[in-house]
Amino acid sequence: VGDRGGFGGKRYDVEKVESGSYEDEFDDFEAFL
């Protein structure tokens, strides 16, 4: 049993994984850097 079918009738569970994120918006980038 599982979310997704595969080769030979096998079943797999699929989990979404977020591997890090960051905001990338600056009103004045020069003043930041």
PDB file of all heavy atoms in Angstrom:
ATOM      1  N   VAL A   1       0.863  -1.187   0.000  1.00  0.00           N
ATOM      2  CA  VAL A   1       0.000   0.000   0.000  1.00  0.00           C
ATOM      3  C   VAL A   1       0.893   1.229   0.000  1.00  0.00           C
ATOM      4  O   VAL A   1       2.003   1.206   0.520  1.00  0.00           O
ATOM      5  CB  VAL A   1      -0.941   0.038   1.223  1.00  0.00           C
ATOM      6  CG1 VAL A   1      -1.928  -1.111   1.179  1.00  0.00           C
ATOM      7  CG2 VAL A   1      -0.141   0.009   2.518  1.00  0.00           C
ATOM      8  N   GLY A   2       0.402   2.284  -0.610  1.00  0.00           N
ATOM      9  CA  GLY A   2       1.199   3.501  -0.664  1.00  0.00           C
ATOM     10  C   GLY A   2       0.586   4.514  -1.588  1.00  0.00           C
ATOM     11  O   GLY A   2      -0.383   4.233  -2.318  1.00  0.00           O
ATOM     12  N   ASP A   3       1.146   5.736  -1.595  1.00  0.00           N
ATOM     13  CA  ASP A   3       0.591   6.830  -2.384  1.00  0.00           C
ATOM     14  C   ASP A   3       0.808   6.654  -3.882  1.00  0.00           C
ATOM     15  O   ASP A   3       0.031   7.136  -4.691  1.00  0.00           O
ATOM     16  CB  ASP A   3       1.242   8.159  -1.960  1.00  0.00           C
ATOM     17  CG  ASP A   3       1.021   8.454  -0.483  1.00  0.00           C
ATOM     18  OD1 ASP A   3      -0.044   8.076   0.024  1.00  0.00           O
ATOM     19  OD2 ASP A   3       1.921   9.049   0.135  1.00  0.00           O
ATOM     20  N   ARG A   4       1.886   5.992  -4.253  1.00  0.00           N
ATOM     21  CA  ARG A   4       2.274   5.972  -5.658  1.00  0.00           C
ATOM     22  C   ARG A   4       2.672   4.568  -6.084  1.00  0.00           C
ATOM     23  O   ARG A   4       3.359   3.841  -5.355  1.00  0.00           O
ATOM     24  CB  ARG A   4       3.441   6.931  -5.882  1.00  0.00           C
ATOM     25  CG  ARG A   4       3.928   7.011  -7.317  1.00  0.00           C
ATOM     26  CD  ARG A   4       5.041   8.035  -7.463  1.00  0.00           C
ATOM     27  NE  ARG A   4       4.551   9.382  -7.159  1.00  0.00           N
ATOM     28  CZ  ARG A   4       5.311  10.465  -7.262  1.00  0.00           C
ATOM     29  NH1 ARG A   4       6.571  10.354  -7.646  1.00  0.00           N
ATOM     30  NH2 ARG A   4       4.810  11.661  -6.976  1.00  0.00           N
ATOM     31  N   GLY A   5       2.256   4.197  -7.304  1.00  0.00           N
ATOM     32  CA  GLY A   5       2.635   2.917  -7.858  1.00  0.00           C
ATOM     33  C   GLY A   5       3.962   2.995  -8.568  1.00  0.00           C
ATOM     34  O   GLY A   5       4.388   4.053  -9.033  1.00  0.00           O
ATOM     35  N   GLY A   6       4.646   1.842  -8.663  1.00  0.00           N
ATOM     36  CA  GLY A   6       5.930   1.787  -9.327  1.00  0.00           C
ATOM     37  C   GLY A   6       6.087   0.540 -10.157  1.00  0.00           C
ATOM     38  O   GLY A   6       5.123  -0.199 -10.418  1.00  0.00           O
ATOM     39  N   PHE A   7       7.324   0.293 -10.583  1.00  0.00           N
ATOM     40  CA  PHE A   7       7.617  -0.845 -11.455  1.00  0.00           C
ATOM     41  C   PHE A   7       7.292  -2.166 -10.763  1.00  0.00           C
ATOM     42  O   PHE A   7       7.563  -2.346  -9.585  1.00  0.00           O
ATOM     43  CB  PHE A   7       9.090  -0.812 -11.856  1.00  0.00           C
ATOM     44  CG  PHE A   7       9.499  -1.900 -12.805  1.00  0.00           C
ATOM     45  CD1 PHE A   7       9.158  -1.814 -14.150  1.00  0.00           C
ATOM     46  CD2 PHE A   7      10.199  -3.005 -12.354  1.00  0.00           C
ATOM     47  CE1 PHE A   7       9.523  -2.813 -15.036  1.00  0.00           C
ATOM     48  CE2 PHE A   7      10.567  -4.003 -13.236  1.00  0.00           C
ATOM     49  CZ  PHE A   7      10.226  -3.912 -14.582  1.00  0.00           C
ATOM     50  N   GLY A   8       6.694  -3.071 -11.517  1.00  0.00           N
ATOM     51  CA  GLY A   8       6.387  -4.390 -10.988  1.00  0.00           C
ATOM     52  C   GLY A   8       5.279  -4.412  -9.963  1.00  0.00           C
ATOM     53  O   GLY A   8       5.165  -5.364  -9.184  1.00  0.00           O
ATOM     54  N   GLY A   9       4.438  -3.385  -9.967  1.00  0.00           N
ATOM     55  CA  GLY A   9       3.317  -3.349  -9.031  1.00  0.00           C
ATOM     56  C   GLY A   9       3.672  -2.919  -7.629  1.00  0.00           C
ATOM     57  O   GLY A   9       2.821  -2.941  -6.741  1.00  0.00           O
ATOM     58  N   LYS A  10       4.899  -2.481  -7.394  1.00  0.00           N
ATOM     59  CA  LYS A  10       5.295  -2.034  -6.056  1.00  0.00           C
ATOM     60  C   LYS A  10       4.645  -0.696  -5.730  1.00  0.00           C
ATOM     61  O   LYS A  10       4.336   0.089  -6.615  1.00  0.00           O
ATOM     62  CB  LYS A  10       6.817  -1.912  -5.961  1.00  0.00           C
ATOM     63  CG  LYS A  10       7.551  -3.238  -6.050  1.00  0.00           C
ATOM     64  CD  LYS A  10       9.052  -3.056  -5.866  1.00  0.00           C
ATOM     65  CE  LYS A  10       9.766  -4.388  -5.898  1.00  0.00           C
ATOM     66  NZ  LYS A  10      11.241  -4.231  -5.721  1.00  0.00           N
ATOM     67  N   ARG A  11       4.433  -0.468  -4.422  1.00  0.00           N
ATOM     68  CA  ARG A  11       3.825   0.769  -3.963  1.00  0.00           C
ATOM     69  C   ARG A  11       4.808   1.542  -3.081  1.00  0.00           C
ATOM     70  O   ARG A  11       5.658   0.954  -2.403  1.00  0.00           O
ATOM     71  CB  ARG A  11       2.547   0.492  -3.148  1.00  0.00           C
ATOM     72  CG  ARG A  11       1.490  -0.308  -3.867  1.00  0.00           C
ATOM     73  CD  ARG A  11       0.892   0.452  -5.056  1.00  0.00           C
ATOM     74  NE  ARG A  11       0.247   1.698  -4.615  1.00  0.00           N
ATOM     75  CZ  ARG A  11      -0.339   2.553  -5.446  1.00  0.00           C
ATOM     76  NH1 ARG A  11      -0.334   2.313  -6.749  1.00  0.00           N
ATOM     77  NH2 ARG A  11      -0.902   3.649  -4.987  1.00  0.00           N
ATOM     78  N   TYR A  12       4.679   2.896  -3.098  1.00  0.00           N
ATOM     79  CA  TYR A  12       5.600   3.755  -2.363  1.00  0.00           C
ATOM     80  C   TYR A  12       4.827   4.881  -1.681  1.00  0.00           C
ATOM     81  O   TYR A  12       3.840   5.381  -2.222  1.00  0.00           O
ATOM     82  CB  TYR A  12       6.636   4.377  -3.306  1.00  0.00           C
ATOM     83  CG  TYR A  12       7.476   3.361  -4.032  1.00  0.00           C
ATOM     84  CD1 TYR A  12       7.039   2.795  -5.227  1.00  0.00           C
ATOM     85  CD2 TYR A  12       8.706   2.958  -3.522  1.00  0.00           C
ATOM     86  CE1 TYR A  12       7.817   1.861  -5.901  1.00  0.00           C
ATOM     87  CE2 TYR A  12       9.489   2.027  -4.188  1.00  0.00           C
ATOM     88  CZ  TYR A  12       9.034   1.476  -5.375  1.00  0.00           C
ATOM     89  OH  TYR A  12       9.799   0.553  -6.038  1.00  0.00           O
ATOM     90  N   ASP A  13       5.288   5.249  -0.481  1.00  0.00           N
ATOM     91  CA  ASP A  13       4.796   6.461   0.170  1.00  0.00           C
ATOM     92  C   ASP A  13       5.661   7.630  -0.272  1.00  0.00           C
ATOM     93  O   ASP A  13       6.899   7.511  -0.363  1.00  0.00           O
ATOM     94  CB  ASP A  13       4.865   6.333   1.699  1.00  0.00           C
ATOM     95  CG  ASP A  13       3.721   5.496   2.255  1.00  0.00           C
ATOM     96  OD1 ASP A  13       2.671   5.435   1.598  1.00  0.00           O
ATOM     97  OD2 ASP A  13       3.916   4.891   3.331  1.00  0.00           O
ATOM     98  N   VAL A  14       5.028   8.774  -0.544  1.00  0.00           N
ATOM     99  CA  VAL A  14       5.731   9.963  -1.003  1.00  0.00           C
ATOM    100  C   VAL A  14       5.510  11.075   0.012  1.00  0.00           C
ATOM    101  O   VAL A  14       4.363  11.413   0.341  1.00  0.00           O
ATOM    102  CB  VAL A  14       5.238  10.406  -2.394  1.00  0.00           C
ATOM    103  CG1 VAL A  14       5.974  11.672  -2.824  1.00  0.00           C
ATOM    104  CG2 VAL A  14       5.446   9.293  -3.417  1.00  0.00           C
ATOM    105  N   GLU A  15       6.606  11.635   0.509  1.00  0.00           N
ATOM    106  CA  GLU A  15       6.552  12.715   1.500  1.00  0.00           C
ATOM    107  C   GLU A  15       7.266  13.933   0.944  1.00  0.00           C
ATOM    108  O   GLU A  15       8.374  13.839   0.429  1.00  0.00           O
ATOM    109  CB  GLU A  15       7.243  12.264   2.789  1.00  0.00           C
ATOM    110  CG  GLU A  15       7.304  13.333   3.867  1.00  0.00           C
ATOM    111  CD  GLU A  15       8.134  12.887   5.065  1.00  0.00           C
ATOM    112  OE1 GLU A  15       8.679  11.770   5.023  1.00  0.00           O
ATOM    113  OE2 GLU A  15       8.238  13.680   6.016  1.00  0.00           O
ATOM    114  N   LYS A  16       6.617  15.108   1.022  1.00  0.00           N
ATOM    115  CA  LYS A  16       7.265  16.347   0.602  1.00  0.00           C
ATOM    116  C   LYS A  16       8.184  16.831   1.718  1.00  0.00           C
ATOM    117  O   LYS A  16       7.819  16.860   2.883  1.00  0.00           O
ATOM    118  CB  LYS A  16       6.223  17.419   0.283  1.00  0.00           C
ATOM    119  CG  LYS A  16       5.411  17.125  -0.969  1.00  0.00           C
ATOM    120  CD  LYS A  16       4.462  18.268  -1.291  1.00  0.00           C
ATOM    121  CE  LYS A  16       3.703  17.995  -2.589  1.00  0.00           C
ATOM    122  NZ  LYS A  16       2.765  19.100  -2.919  1.00  0.00           N
ATOM    123  N   VAL A  17       9.407  17.218   1.334  1.00  0.00           N
ATOM    124  CA  VAL A  17      10.417  17.671   2.296  1.00  0.00           C
ATOM    125  C   VAL A  17      10.919  19.039   1.877  1.00  0.00           C
ATOM    126  O   VAL A  17      11.363  19.224   0.741  1.00  0.00           O
ATOM    127  CB  VAL A  17      11.605  16.691   2.355  1.00  0.00           C
ATOM    128  CG1 VAL A  17      12.639  17.182   3.366  1.00  0.00           C
ATOM    129  CG2 VAL A  17      11.124  15.293   2.695  1.00  0.00           C
ATOM    130  N   GLU A  18      10.853  20.026   2.766  1.00  0.00           N
ATOM    131  CA  GLU A  18      11.424  21.346   2.497  1.00  0.00           C
ATOM    132  C   GLU A  18      12.809  21.403   3.091  1.00  0.00           C
ATOM    133  O   GLU A  18      13.000  21.168   4.281  1.00  0.00           O
ATOM    134  CB  GLU A  18      10.549  22.449   3.084  1.00  0.00           C
ATOM    135  CG  GLU A  18      11.032  23.845   2.718  1.00  0.00           C
ATOM    136  CD  GLU A  18      10.070  24.937   3.153  1.00  0.00           C
ATOM    137  OE1 GLU A  18       8.925  24.945   2.711  1.00  0.00           O
ATOM    138  OE2 GLU A  18      10.503  25.777   3.962  1.00  0.00           O
ATOM    139  N   SER A  19      13.816  21.714   2.270  1.00  0.00           N
ATOM    140  CA  SER A  19      15.211  21.651   2.696  1.00  0.00           C
ATOM    141  C   SER A  19      15.822  23.026   2.937  1.00  0.00           C
ATOM    142  O   SER A  19      16.964  23.266   2.615  1.00  0.00           O
ATOM    143  CB  SER A  19      16.028  20.899   1.639  1.00  0.00           C
ATOM    144  OG  SER A  19      15.582  19.580   1.523  1.00  0.00           O
ATOM    145  N   GLY A  20      15.070  23.922   3.479  1.00  0.00           N
ATOM    146  CA  GLY A  20      15.617  25.237   3.790  1.00  0.00           C
ATOM    147  C   GLY A  20      15.061  26.306   2.869  1.00  0.00           C
ATOM    148  O   GLY A  20      14.784  26.063   1.702  1.00  0.00           O
ATOM    149  N   SER A  21      14.862  27.492   3.398  1.00  0.00           N
ATOM    150  CA  SER A  21      14.372  28.606   2.602  1.00  0.00           C
ATOM    151  C   SER A  21      14.809  29.905   3.265  1.00  0.00           C
ATOM    152  O   SER A  21      15.182  29.926   4.439  1.00  0.00           O
ATOM    153  CB  SER A  21      12.841  28.562   2.503  1.00  0.00           C
ATOM    154  OG  SER A  21      12.243  28.723   3.774  1.00  0.00           O
ATOM    155  N   TYR A  22      14.759  30.999   2.489  1.00  0.00           N
ATOM    156  CA  TYR A  22      15.060  32.302   3.058  1.00  0.00           C
ATOM    157  C   TYR A  22      14.413  33.380   2.197  1.00  0.00           C
ATOM    158  O   TYR A  22      14.191  33.190   1.001  1.00  0.00           O
ATOM    159  CB  TYR A  22      16.576  32.544   3.177  1.00  0.00           C
ATOM    160  CG  TYR A  22      17.334  32.542   1.870  1.00  0.00           C
ATOM    161  CD1 TYR A  22      17.482  33.715   1.120  1.00  0.00           C
ATOM    162  CD2 TYR A  22      17.920  31.379   1.388  1.00  0.00           C
ATOM    163  CE1 TYR A  22      18.185  33.720  -0.077  1.00  0.00           C
ATOM    164  CE2 TYR A  22      18.623  31.378   0.189  1.00  0.00           C
ATOM    165  CZ  TYR A  22      18.754  32.541  -0.530  1.00  0.00           C
ATOM    166  OH  TYR A  22      19.450  32.549  -1.711  1.00  0.00           O
ATOM    167  N   GLU A  23      14.100  34.506   2.831  1.00  0.00           N
ATOM    168  CA  GLU A  23      13.518  35.630   2.110  1.00  0.00           C
ATOM    169  C   GLU A  23      14.608  36.374   1.348  1.00  0.00           C
ATOM    170  O   GLU A  23      15.714  36.555   1.844  1.00  0.00           O
ATOM    171  CB  GLU A  23      12.809  36.577   3.083  1.00  0.00           C
ATOM    172  CG  GLU A  23      11.574  35.969   3.724  1.00  0.00           C
ATOM    173  CD  GLU A  23      10.793  36.984   4.541  1.00  0.00           C
ATOM    174  OE1 GLU A  23      11.108  38.198   4.424  1.00  0.00           O
ATOM    175  OE2 GLU A  23       9.889  36.573   5.284  1.00  0.00           O
ATOM    176  N   ASP A  24      14.287  36.806   0.141  1.00  0.00           N
ATOM    177  CA  ASP A  24      15.275  37.423  -0.730  1.00  0.00           C
ATOM    178  C   ASP A  24      14.687  38.687  -1.354  1.00  0.00           C
ATOM    179  O   ASP A  24      14.535  38.790  -2.566  1.00  0.00           O
ATOM    180  CB  ASP A  24      15.694  36.419  -1.814  1.00  0.00           C
ATOM    181  CG  ASP A  24      16.852  36.915  -2.656  1.00  0.00           C
ATOM    182  OD1 ASP A  24      17.441  37.954  -2.294  1.00  0.00           O
ATOM    183  OD2 ASP A  24      17.161  36.283  -3.677  1.00  0.00           O
ATOM    184  N   GLU A  25      14.383  39.653  -0.486  1.00  0.00           N
ATOM    185  CA  GLU A  25      13.822  40.919  -0.968  1.00  0.00           C
ATOM    186  C   GLU A  25      14.288  42.043  -0.059  1.00  0.00           C
ATOM    187  O   GLU A  25      14.156  41.961   1.173  1.00  0.00           O
ATOM    188  CB  GLU A  25      12.299  40.859  -1.001  1.00  0.00           C
ATOM    189  CG  GLU A  25      11.651  42.123  -1.561  1.00  0.00           C
ATOM    190  CD  GLU A  25      10.157  41.995  -1.735  1.00  0.00           C
ATOM    191  OE1 GLU A  25       9.582  41.004  -1.244  1.00  0.00           O
ATOM    192  OE2 GLU A  25       9.563  42.895  -2.360  1.00  0.00           O
ATOM    193  N   PHE A  26      14.849  43.092  -0.657  1.00  0.00           N
ATOM    194  CA  PHE A  26      15.395  44.216   0.103  1.00  0.00           C
ATOM    195  C   PHE A  26      14.978  45.521  -0.562  1.00  0.00           C
ATOM    196  O   PHE A  26      15.086  45.664  -1.779  1.00  0.00           O
ATOM    197  CB  PHE A  26      16.925  44.143   0.152  1.00  0.00           C
ATOM    198  CG  PHE A  26      17.461  42.883   0.766  1.00  0.00           C
ATOM    199  CD1 PHE A  26      17.658  41.751  -0.012  1.00  0.00           C
ATOM    200  CD2 PHE A  26      17.743  42.823   2.118  1.00  0.00           C
ATOM    201  CE1 PHE A  26      18.148  40.585   0.544  1.00  0.00           C
ATOM    202  CE2 PHE A  26      18.233  41.669   2.690  1.00  0.00           C
ATOM    203  CZ  PHE A  26      18.434  40.534   1.895  1.00  0.00           C
ATOM    204  N   ASP A  27      14.507  46.476   0.245  1.00  0.00           N
ATOM    205  CA  ASP A  27      14.190  47.800  -0.296  1.00  0.00           C
ATOM    206  C   ASP A  27      15.464  48.530  -0.707  1.00  0.00           C
ATOM    207  O   ASP A  27      15.461  49.282  -1.690  1.00  0.00           O
ATOM    208  CB  ASP A  27      13.423  48.627   0.749  1.00  0.00           C
ATOM    209  CG  ASP A  27      12.046  48.058   1.039  1.00  0.00           C
ATOM    210  OD1 ASP A  27      11.463  47.427   0.130  1.00  0.00           O
ATOM    211  OD2 ASP A  27      11.565  48.238   2.171  1.00  0.00           O
ATOM    212  N   ASP A  28      16.539  48.338   0.032  1.00  0.00           N
ATOM    213  CA  ASP A  28      17.820  48.986  -0.276  1.00  0.00           C
ATOM    214  C   ASP A  28      18.920  47.955  -0.066  1.00  0.00           C
ATOM    215  O   ASP A  28      19.475  47.818   1.032  1.00  0.00           O
ATOM    216  CB  ASP A  28      18.033  50.202   0.620  1.00  0.00           C
ATOM    217  CG  ASP A  28      19.227  51.049   0.197  1.00  0.00           C
ATOM    218  OD1 ASP A  28      20.110  50.510  -0.494  1.00  0.00           O
ATOM    219  OD2 ASP A  28      19.281  52.235   0.572  1.00  0.00           O
ATOM    220  N   PHE A  29      19.241  47.232  -1.109  1.00  0.00           N
ATOM    221  CA  PHE A  29      20.196  46.130  -0.999  1.00  0.00           C
ATOM    222  C   PHE A  29      21.589  46.638  -0.642  1.00  0.00           C
ATOM    223  O   PHE A  29      22.300  46.025   0.147  1.00  0.00           O
ATOM    224  CB  PHE A  29      20.236  45.347  -2.317  1.00  0.00           C
ATOM    225  CG  PHE A  29      21.108  44.132  -2.270  1.00  0.00           C
ATOM    226  CD1 PHE A  29      20.692  42.993  -1.601  1.00  0.00           C
ATOM    227  CD2 PHE A  29      22.353  44.115  -2.896  1.00  0.00           C
ATOM    228  CE1 PHE A  29      21.500  41.863  -1.554  1.00  0.00           C
ATOM    229  CE2 PHE A  29      23.160  42.998  -2.856  1.00  0.00           C
ATOM    230  CZ  PHE A  29      22.725  41.866  -2.185  1.00  0.00           C
ATOM    231  N   GLU A  30      21.978  47.752  -1.226  1.00  0.00           N
ATOM    232  CA  GLU A  30      23.301  48.307  -0.931  1.00  0.00           C
ATOM    233  C   GLU A  30      23.443  48.642   0.550  1.00  0.00           C
ATOM    234  O   GLU A  30      24.481  48.375   1.169  1.00  0.00           O
ATOM    235  CB  GLU A  30      23.552  49.544  -1.782  1.00  0.00           C
ATOM    236  CG  GLU A  30      24.913  50.167  -1.580  1.00  0.00           C
ATOM    237  CD  GLU A  30      25.127  51.401  -2.436  1.00  0.00           C
ATOM    238  OE1 GLU A  30      24.518  51.490  -3.515  1.00  0.00           O
ATOM    239  OE2 GLU A  30      25.911  52.281  -2.027  1.00  0.00           O
ATOM    240  N   ALA A  31      22.395  49.218   1.125  1.00  0.00           N
ATOM    241  CA  ALA A  31      22.431  49.576   2.546  1.00  0.00           C
ATOM    242  C   ALA A  31      22.503  48.321   3.429  1.00  0.00           C
ATOM    243  O   ALA A  31      23.038  48.370   4.541  1.00  0.00           O
ATOM    244  CB  ALA A  31      21.208  50.405   2.913  1.00  0.00           C
ATOM    245  N   PHE A  32      21.959  47.220   2.937  1.00  0.00           N
ATOM    246  CA  PHE A  32      22.041  45.950   3.658  1.00  0.00           C
ATOM    247  C   PHE A  32      23.445  45.350   3.577  1.00  0.00           C
ATOM    248  O   PHE A  32      24.032  44.935   4.582  1.00  0.00           O
ATOM    249  CB  PHE A  32      21.019  44.963   3.087  1.00  0.00           C
ATOM    250  CG  PHE A  32      21.286  43.521   3.415  1.00  0.00           C
ATOM    251  CD1 PHE A  32      21.025  43.021   4.673  1.00  0.00           C
ATOM    252  CD2 PHE A  32      21.816  42.661   2.446  1.00  0.00           C
ATOM    253  CE1 PHE A  32      21.286  41.687   4.982  1.00  0.00           C
ATOM    254  CE2 PHE A  32      22.073  41.334   2.740  1.00  0.00           C
ATOM    255  CZ  PHE A  32      21.806  40.841   4.013  1.00  0.00           C
ATOM    256  N   LEU A  33      24.011  45.304   2.371  1.00  0.00           N
ATOM    257  CA  LEU A  33      25.243  44.551   2.153  1.00  0.00           C
ATOM    258  C   LEU A  33      26.509  45.305   2.526  1.00  0.00           C
ATOM    259  O   LEU A  33      27.424  44.745   3.152  1.00  0.00           O
ATOM    260  CB  LEU A  33      25.331  44.119   0.688  1.00  0.00           C
ATOM    261  CG  LEU A  33      26.546  43.265   0.322  1.00  0.00           C
ATOM    262  CD1 LEU A  33      26.511  41.936   1.070  1.00  0.00           C
ATOM    263  CD2 LEU A  33      26.602  43.039  -1.185  1.00  0.00           C
TER     264      LEU A  33
END
